[in-house]
């Protein structure tokens, strides 16, 4: 079975849900406590054994490239002041195996993925969306890679969602269950109404795909909003190279949403060594205050 070496991370979105913060700053650089959200995604890929990463960027996204590049003056300043802990933190974010390509026009997620065709070549690859942070001891990306090694099939990560949330997700129509967490896929449907949804398995932002996806995306017509939808392309791919759905049951933060970002900051803050004590005291005091009121 071909080894999975490459990961693709789309990061070209405008981030309009976080305006005005994202007027001049990429939404992927918004921090969860002290770590840009995109760093969690990159670390998941690296911790899964990925060797090369392509980040698909757009206009005003230079801060992402700067974050993962070296900063000689900052490192020199920290070294001179003996701030070795901070120096190690800064140096750990310098990752030379990251490459970049721009999506010139915002034509949807499918079009963004198509920009990775030359980088991927004729290899299977993982696709990680930056809005989903899944903090788990065994990274979700690694689980999809293990599924590929066992079954020789691409896969999409899914999670049980409330039926009323189906208009915000791609949803799978599951076939036979092939393992404790994996299902065959009959169909993939983009944002169905609760009445039309074939299941409660919503697609979340991790995929393991084969290179046939690129020919499908090249031929796919844009939707009414002039965007190329990835879910539609996956439906076509599933007909020629069947995909599996992996059901993820761990924690997920949707940091593309204001509430999800706030929740991530609170929960990560409760565990972070620099903030956990004060955050815990604050949450306890707030809980008491709310009960009294």
Protein backbone atom coordinates (compact mmCIF):
# COMPACT_ATOMS: atom_id res chain seq x y z
CA UNK A 1 0.00 0.00 0.00
CA UNK A 2 1.36 3.41 -1.00
CA UNK A 3 2.60 5.45 1.95
CA UNK A 4 0.74 8.65 2.79
CA UNK A 5 3.37 11.39 2.78
CA UNK A 6 1.54 14.60 1.91
CA UNK A 7 -1.09 16.81 3.51
CA UNK A 8 -3.09 19.69 2.06
CA UNK A 9 -4.50 22.46 4.26
CA UNK A 10 -6.81 25.01 2.59
CA UNK A 11 -6.46 28.46 4.19
CA UNK A 12 -7.67 30.87 1.53
CA UNK A 13 -11.04 31.81 3.04
CA UNK A 14 -11.86 35.43 3.81
CA UNK A 15 -12.94 34.76 7.41
CA UNK A 16 -15.95 37.07 7.21
CA UNK A 17 -17.58 35.50 10.28
CA UNK A 18 -14.82 37.03 12.41
CA UNK A 19 -14.86 40.57 11.06
CA UNK A 20 -13.52 43.06 12.02
CA UNK A 21 -10.69 40.95 13.51
CA UNK A 22 -10.02 39.36 10.13
CA UNK A 23 -10.00 42.58 8.15
CA UNK A 24 -6.20 42.55 8.19
CA UNK A 25 -5.36 39.24 9.88
CA UNK A 26 -5.95 35.73 8.52
CA UNK A 27 -8.64 33.90 10.49
CA UNK A 28 -6.22 30.95 10.68
CA UNK A 29 -3.96 33.10 12.86
CA UNK A 30 -6.64 33.79 15.47
CA UNK A 31 -5.26 32.26 18.68
CA UNK A 32 -6.57 29.55 20.93
CA UNK A 33 -4.97 30.91 24.12
CA UNK A 34 -1.48 31.50 22.68
CA UNK A 35 -1.44 29.24 19.60
CA UNK A 36 -2.78 30.17 16.15
CA UNK A 37 -5.54 27.78 15.15
CA UNK A 38 -3.68 26.69 12.03
CA UNK A 39 -0.75 25.51 14.15
CA UNK A 40 -2.99 22.84 15.70
CA UNK A 41 -3.77 21.58 12.19
CA UNK A 42 -0.13 21.53 11.10
CA UNK A 43 0.90 19.73 14.29
CA UNK A 44 -1.81 17.11 13.77
CA UNK A 45 -0.42 16.38 10.31
CA UNK A 46 3.17 16.14 11.56
CA UNK A 47 2.20 13.98 14.55
CA UNK A 48 0.45 11.63 12.13
CA UNK A 49 3.69 11.04 10.21
CA UNK A 50 3.12 13.43 7.31
CA UNK A 51 6.38 14.51 5.63
CA UNK A 52 5.29 17.42 3.42
CA UNK A 53 2.49 19.96 3.83
CA UNK A 54 0.93 22.32 1.32
CA UNK A 55 -1.03 25.29 2.65
CA UNK A 56 -3.36 26.88 0.10
CA UNK A 57 -3.47 30.60 0.83
CA UNK A 58 -4.96 33.73 -0.67
CA UNK A 59 -4.63 37.49 -0.48
CA UNK A 60 -3.50 38.96 2.88
CA UNK A 61 -2.34 35.57 4.19
CA UNK A 62 1.38 36.37 4.49
CA UNK A 63 1.19 36.11 8.28
CA UNK A 64 0.71 32.34 7.94
CA UNK A 65 3.96 31.99 5.98
CA UNK A 66 5.79 34.27 8.42
CA UNK A 67 4.56 32.22 11.39
CA UNK A 68 6.08 28.98 10.10
CA UNK A 69 9.28 30.68 8.91
CA UNK A 70 12.29 31.51 11.07
CA UNK A 71 12.52 34.90 12.79
CA UNK A 72 16.23 35.55 13.21
CA UNK A 73 15.97 38.85 15.09
CA UNK A 74 13.42 37.49 17.59
CA UNK A 75 15.46 34.33 18.14
CA UNK A 76 18.64 36.38 18.68
CA UNK A 77 16.87 38.62 21.19
CA UNK A 78 15.55 35.65 23.18
CA UNK A 79 18.94 33.91 23.08
CA UNK A 80 20.75 37.03 24.34
CA UNK A 81 18.29 37.38 27.23
CA UNK A 82 18.56 33.72 28.19
CA UNK A 83 14.88 33.05 27.53
CA UNK A 84 15.52 29.51 26.41
CA UNK A 85 11.96 28.25 26.94
CA UNK A 86 10.49 30.93 24.70
CA UNK A 87 13.31 30.41 22.19
CA UNK A 88 12.44 26.72 21.94
CA UNK A 89 8.77 27.58 21.41
CA UNK A 90 9.61 30.00 18.60
CA UNK A 91 12.01 27.58 16.92
CA UNK A 92 9.51 24.72 17.11
CA UNK A 93 7.20 26.65 14.77
CA UNK A 94 9.84 26.92 12.05
CA UNK A 95 8.81 24.12 9.70
CA UNK A 96 10.73 23.99 6.39
CA UNK A 97 8.61 21.13 5.00
CA UNK A 98 5.63 23.48 4.47
CA UNK A 99 4.95 24.71 0.94
CA UNK A 100 2.47 27.34 -0.24
CA UNK A 101 0.30 28.01 -3.27
CA UNK A 102 -2.33 30.71 -3.78
CA UNK A 103 -5.95 30.27 -4.76
CA UNK A 104 -6.31 33.30 -7.02
CA UNK A 105 -10.11 33.55 -6.83
CA UNK A 106 -12.48 32.39 -4.06
CA UNK A 107 -14.26 29.66 -6.01
CA UNK A 108 -15.04 27.25 -3.20
CA UNK A 109 -13.34 24.44 -1.32
CA UNK A 110 -13.26 22.14 -4.33
CA UNK A 111 -11.35 24.73 -6.35
CA UNK A 112 -8.96 25.28 -3.43
CA UNK A 113 -8.19 21.55 -3.30
CA UNK A 114 -7.59 21.55 -7.06
CA UNK A 115 -4.68 23.97 -6.52
CA UNK A 116 -2.83 21.10 -4.82
CA UNK A 117 -2.79 18.83 -7.90
CA UNK A 118 0.84 19.49 -8.86
CA UNK A 119 2.03 19.13 -5.27
CA UNK A 120 0.20 15.84 -4.71
CA UNK A 121 1.02 14.25 -8.05
CA UNK A 122 -0.06 10.61 -8.29
CA UNK A 123 -0.18 9.93 -4.55
CA UNK A 124 -2.95 9.54 -2.00
CA UNK A 125 -3.01 12.47 0.43
CA UNK A 126 -4.77 13.81 3.50
CA UNK A 127 -6.86 16.96 3.47
CA UNK A 128 -7.22 18.89 6.73
CA UNK A 129 -9.61 21.81 7.03
CA UNK A 130 -8.52 24.60 9.32
CA UNK A 131 -11.90 25.23 10.96
CA UNK A 132 -11.83 21.91 12.81
CA UNK A 133 -9.51 21.27 15.75
CA UNK A 134 -9.71 17.70 17.04
CA UNK A 135 -7.45 17.35 20.11
CA UNK A 136 -7.05 13.61 20.58
CA UNK A 137 -4.22 11.39 21.80
CA UNK A 138 -4.34 9.50 18.48
CA UNK A 139 -4.77 12.17 15.77
CA UNK A 140 -7.80 11.77 13.55
CA UNK A 141 -5.54 12.15 10.51
CA UNK A 142 -3.51 9.14 11.65
CA UNK A 143 -6.72 7.13 12.06
CA UNK A 144 -7.67 7.83 8.45
CA UNK A 145 -4.17 6.82 7.36
CA UNK A 146 -4.55 3.55 9.28
CA UNK A 147 -7.92 2.92 7.58
CA UNK A 148 -6.22 3.37 4.19
CA UNK A 149 -3.45 0.94 5.10
CA UNK A 150 -6.00 -1.65 6.23
CA UNK A 151 -8.64 -1.36 3.51
CA UNK A 152 -6.87 0.40 0.63
CA UNK A 153 -9.66 2.97 0.38
CA UNK A 154 -9.92 6.71 0.81
CA UNK A 155 -12.11 7.99 3.61
CA UNK A 156 -13.96 10.96 5.03
CA UNK A 157 -14.20 11.72 8.73
CA UNK A 158 -17.71 11.97 10.13
CA UNK A 159 -19.32 12.67 13.46
CA UNK A 160 -22.83 12.26 14.86
CA UNK A 161 -24.60 15.60 14.69
CA UNK A 162 -28.07 16.79 15.78
CA UNK A 163 -30.55 16.44 12.94
CA UNK A 164 -31.30 20.17 12.99
CA UNK A 165 -27.62 20.85 12.15
CA UNK A 166 -27.60 18.90 8.86
CA UNK A 167 -28.07 22.08 6.72
CA UNK A 168 -24.59 23.13 7.87
CA UNK A 169 -22.79 19.87 6.95
CA UNK A 170 -22.20 17.42 4.18
CA UNK A 171 -23.99 14.25 5.27
CA UNK A 172 -23.34 10.65 4.25
CA UNK A 173 -25.82 7.94 3.40
CA UNK A 174 -24.09 4.99 5.10
CA UNK A 175 -23.95 1.48 3.72
CA UNK A 176 -22.61 -1.60 5.48
CA UNK A 177 -20.53 -1.19 8.62
CA UNK A 178 -17.06 -2.60 7.90
CA UNK A 179 -15.50 -2.09 11.35
CA UNK A 180 -16.29 -0.55 14.74
CA UNK A 181 -15.86 2.96 13.33
CA UNK A 182 -16.01 2.62 9.54
CA UNK A 183 -18.93 2.46 7.11
CA UNK A 184 -19.29 2.06 3.39
CA UNK A 185 -20.76 5.15 1.73
CA UNK A 186 -23.72 5.02 -0.62
CA UNK A 187 -24.01 8.77 -1.18
CA UNK A 188 -22.66 12.09 0.08
CA UNK A 189 -25.14 14.95 0.20
CA UNK A 190 -24.18 18.60 0.66
CA UNK A 191 -26.16 20.45 3.37
CA UNK A 192 -29.46 18.55 3.25
CA UNK A 193 -32.49 19.67 5.20
CA UNK A 194 -33.25 17.63 8.34
CA UNK A 195 -36.11 15.98 6.44
CA UNK A 196 -33.87 14.99 3.52
CA UNK A 197 -30.79 13.98 5.52
CA UNK A 198 -30.12 10.23 5.09
CA UNK A 199 -28.36 9.94 8.47
CA UNK A 200 -26.90 11.97 11.32
CA UNK A 201 -23.30 11.35 10.21
CA UNK A 202 -22.00 14.80 9.28
CA UNK A 203 -18.72 15.21 7.43
CA UNK A 204 -16.03 16.99 9.46
CA UNK A 205 -12.80 18.47 8.22
CA UNK A 206 -10.52 15.48 7.64
CA UNK A 207 -10.27 13.42 4.45
CA UNK A 208 -7.94 10.87 2.91
CA UNK A 209 -8.25 11.11 -0.85
CA UNK A 210 -6.73 9.55 -3.93
CA UNK A 211 -5.49 11.65 -6.89
CA UNK A 212 -8.53 10.79 -9.05
CA UNK A 213 -10.27 13.62 -7.18
CA UNK A 214 -8.37 16.19 -9.27
CA UNK A 215 -9.74 15.06 -12.65
CA UNK A 216 -13.24 15.14 -11.16
CA UNK A 217 -12.73 18.67 -9.82
CA UNK A 218 -11.40 19.87 -13.20
CA UNK A 219 -14.56 18.67 -14.93
CA UNK A 220 -17.05 19.71 -12.27
CA UNK A 221 -19.39 22.60 -12.99
CA UNK A 222 -19.61 25.37 -10.36
CA UNK A 223 -22.83 25.59 -8.36
CA UNK A 224 -25.31 28.48 -8.41
CA UNK A 225 -22.93 30.54 -6.26
CA UNK A 226 -20.08 29.93 -8.76
CA UNK A 227 -18.28 27.67 -6.28
CA UNK A 228 -16.89 24.19 -6.85
CA UNK A 229 -18.20 22.03 -4.01
CA UNK A 230 -15.92 19.32 -2.65
CA UNK A 231 -18.82 17.16 -1.44
CA UNK A 232 -20.19 16.92 -4.98
CA UNK A 233 -16.77 15.83 -6.23
CA UNK A 234 -16.55 13.22 -3.46
CA UNK A 235 -19.92 11.85 -4.55
CA UNK A 236 -18.49 11.33 -8.04
CA UNK A 237 -15.25 9.86 -6.68
CA UNK A 238 -17.22 7.44 -4.53
CA UNK A 239 -18.81 5.95 -7.66
CA UNK A 240 -15.45 5.00 -9.20
CA UNK A 241 -13.28 4.46 -6.10
CA UNK A 242 -15.54 3.77 -3.12
CA UNK A 243 -14.83 5.76 0.01
CA UNK A 244 -15.28 4.81 3.63
CA UNK A 245 -16.77 6.99 6.37
CA UNK A 246 -14.83 7.00 9.63
CA UNK A 247 -16.94 7.89 12.65
CA UNK A 248 -14.99 10.11 15.04
CA UNK A 249 -16.19 10.14 18.65
CA UNK A 250 -13.63 12.46 20.25
CA UNK A 251 -13.69 16.18 20.98
CA UNK A 252 -14.10 18.70 18.17
CA UNK A 253 -13.84 22.49 18.21
CA UNK A 254 -15.34 24.37 15.27
CA UNK A 255 -13.04 27.39 15.33
CA UNK A 256 -14.62 28.75 12.17
CA UNK A 257 -17.53 29.75 14.39
CA UNK A 258 -17.48 32.41 17.13
CA UNK A 259 -18.98 30.13 19.76
CA UNK A 260 -16.66 27.27 18.83
CA UNK A 261 -13.64 29.56 19.07
CA UNK A 262 -14.73 30.84 22.49
CA UNK A 263 -15.32 27.28 23.69
CA UNK A 264 -11.88 26.20 22.49
CA UNK A 265 -10.24 29.11 24.33
CA UNK A 266 -12.08 28.31 27.56
CA UNK A 267 -11.41 24.57 27.53
CA UNK A 268 -7.81 24.84 26.35
CA UNK A 269 -7.29 27.67 28.85
CA UNK A 270 -8.46 25.37 31.64
CA UNK A 271 -5.66 22.95 30.70
CA UNK A 272 -2.88 25.37 29.75
CA UNK A 273 -0.16 25.53 32.45
CA UNK A 274 -0.02 29.34 32.28
CA UNK A 275 -3.76 29.87 32.70
CA UNK A 276 -5.35 26.75 34.19
CA UNK A 277 -5.37 27.86 37.85
CA UNK A 278 -6.85 31.31 37.22
CA UNK A 279 -9.30 29.97 34.66
CA UNK A 280 -10.49 27.26 37.03
CA UNK A 281 -11.04 29.80 39.81
CA UNK A 282 -12.92 32.06 37.40
CA UNK A 283 -15.19 29.28 36.10
CA UNK A 284 -16.03 28.16 39.67
CA UNK A 285 -16.81 31.71 40.75
CA UNK A 286 -18.90 32.33 37.65
CA UNK A 287 -20.83 29.11 38.19
CA UNK A 288 -21.65 30.14 41.78
CA UNK A 289 -22.72 33.59 40.61
CA UNK A 290 -25.06 32.15 37.99
CA UNK A 291 -26.65 29.79 40.53
CA UNK A 292 -27.23 32.65 42.94
CA UNK A 293 -28.91 34.69 40.23
